[in-house]
Amino acid sequence: HRGHHKHGYRYIPAHYETRTKRILVEPAHYRTRRIPAVYRRVCDRYGYSRRILIRPASYEKIHVPARYELRTFKVFVPARYVPVAKPPRCGTGAPKFVRHGIVGVRRH
């Protein structure tokens, strides 16, 4: 359909496009970690070495944040017609001005 067009529309042929998307690979979760007990060796009053418990074993929850990756893939875009932007006609609407990057309408 090369050269084929409708009035006010432009023909875009079918094609493939490469797109990149952020994909969730692993959701956020909690991991439980065991903290081992802490012991210390001491000598009793008879000179024997003994092991005493300083801190019992415990567990802690560790937050593991979500992990994302950027994935690139191709998608097929079918042929289509898109409207052509029409240039503004002279003398329509109020004149516009730009001040500090802001477009405004001049009032008389």
Protein backbone atom coordinates (compact mmCIF):
# COMPACT_ATOMS: atom_id res chain seq x y z
CA HIS A 1 0.00 0.00 0.00
CA ARG A 2 2.91 2.34 -0.56
CA GLY A 3 1.68 5.79 -1.48
CA HIS A 4 -1.84 4.91 -0.42
CA HIS A 5 -3.30 7.50 1.92
CA LYS A 6 -6.52 8.95 3.21
CA HIS A 7 -7.05 12.70 3.29
CA GLY A 8 -5.65 14.09 6.56
CA TYR A 9 -4.02 10.78 7.51
CA ARG A 10 -0.56 9.31 7.00
CA TYR A 11 0.02 5.60 6.37
CA ILE A 12 2.56 3.80 8.59
CA PRO A 13 3.47 0.32 7.34
CA ALA A 14 3.62 -2.73 9.62
CA HIS A 15 6.95 -3.11 11.40
CA TYR A 16 8.69 -4.46 14.48
CA GLU A 17 9.72 -2.19 17.34
CA THR A 18 12.24 -2.89 20.08
CA ARG A 19 10.87 -2.03 23.51
CA THR A 20 12.40 -2.12 26.96
CA LYS A 21 10.33 -2.86 30.04
CA ARG A 22 11.13 -3.07 33.75
CA ILE A 23 10.15 -6.57 34.91
CA LEU A 24 9.69 -7.78 38.50
CA VAL A 25 12.10 -10.70 38.86
CA GLU A 26 11.73 -11.33 42.60
CA PRO A 27 9.08 -9.73 44.84
CA ALA A 28 10.01 -8.14 48.17
CA HIS A 29 10.04 -10.64 51.03
CA TYR A 30 11.47 -11.34 54.46
CA ARG A 31 14.24 -13.84 55.14
CA THR A 32 14.76 -15.37 58.57
CA ARG A 33 18.35 -15.55 59.76
CA ARG A 34 19.46 -17.60 62.76
CA ILE A 35 21.91 -15.90 65.08
CA PRO A 36 23.92 -18.56 66.95
CA ALA A 37 24.28 -18.60 70.72
CA VAL A 38 27.34 -16.96 72.26
CA TYR A 39 29.35 -18.91 74.84
CA ARG A 40 32.45 -18.10 76.83
CA ARG A 41 34.98 -20.36 78.54
CA VAL A 42 35.64 -19.51 82.18
CA CYS A 43 37.59 -21.17 84.94
CA ASP A 44 35.63 -22.09 88.05
CA ARG A 45 37.05 -21.74 91.57
CA TYR A 46 38.51 -25.27 91.34
CA GLY A 47 40.45 -24.49 88.13
CA TYR A 48 38.15 -26.39 85.78
CA SER A 49 37.23 -24.82 82.42
CA ARG A 50 33.51 -24.42 81.91
CA ARG A 51 31.48 -23.09 79.05
CA ILE A 52 28.80 -20.56 80.01
CA LEU A 53 26.01 -19.14 77.88
CA ILE A 54 26.35 -15.40 77.28
CA ARG A 55 23.52 -14.94 74.78
CA PRO A 56 21.02 -17.59 73.61
CA ALA A 57 20.45 -18.31 69.91
CA SER A 58 17.84 -16.09 68.28
CA TYR A 59 16.29 -15.28 64.93
CA GLU A 60 15.93 -12.03 63.04
CA LYS A 61 13.82 -11.10 60.05
CA ILE A 62 15.66 -9.38 57.22
CA HIS A 63 13.73 -7.44 54.58
CA VAL A 64 14.85 -8.30 51.04
CA PRO A 65 13.70 -5.59 48.59
CA ALA A 66 12.04 -6.42 45.28
CA ARG A 67 14.41 -7.03 42.38
CA TYR A 68 13.71 -5.69 38.91
CA GLU A 69 15.50 -6.14 35.58
CA LEU A 70 15.23 -4.31 32.29
CA ARG A 71 14.15 -6.67 29.52
CA THR A 72 14.28 -5.86 25.83
CA PHE A 73 11.88 -7.49 23.39
CA LYS A 74 10.43 -6.97 19.91
CA VAL A 75 6.75 -6.32 19.24
CA PHE A 76 4.90 -6.38 15.96
CA VAL A 77 3.09 -3.13 15.19
CA PRO A 78 0.41 -3.57 12.51
CA ALA A 79 0.03 -1.09 9.66
CA ARG A 80 -2.16 1.88 10.47
CA TYR A 81 -3.22 5.36 9.50
CA VAL A 82 -2.43 8.23 11.87
CA PRO A 83 -3.91 11.72 11.70
CA VAL A 84 -1.61 14.39 10.36
CA ALA A 85 -1.32 17.43 12.62
CA LYS A 86 -2.77 20.42 10.85
CA PRO A 87 -0.83 23.69 11.09
CA PRO A 88 -2.72 26.40 12.99
CA ARG A 89 -4.68 28.79 10.79
CA CYS A 90 -3.69 32.42 10.83
CA GLY A 91 -5.82 34.77 12.88
CA THR A 92 -7.51 32.10 15.00
CA GLY A 93 -7.59 32.44 18.76
CA ALA A 94 -5.98 35.04 20.97
CA PRO A 95 -2.28 35.80 20.41
CA LYS A 96 0.00 33.83 22.72
CA PHE A 97 3.12 34.98 24.48
CA VAL A 98 5.84 33.21 26.46
CA ARG A 99 7.18 34.57 29.74
CA HIS A 100 9.56 32.55 31.96
CA GLY A 101 8.75 29.36 30.05
CA ILE A 102 4.98 29.72 30.64
CA VAL A 103 2.67 30.05 27.65
CA GLY A 104 -0.13 32.48 28.26
CA VAL A 105 -2.85 34.34 26.38
CA ARG A 106 -2.45 38.08 25.99
CA ARG A 107 -5.48 39.97 27.23
CA HIS A 108 -6.33 43.37 25.73
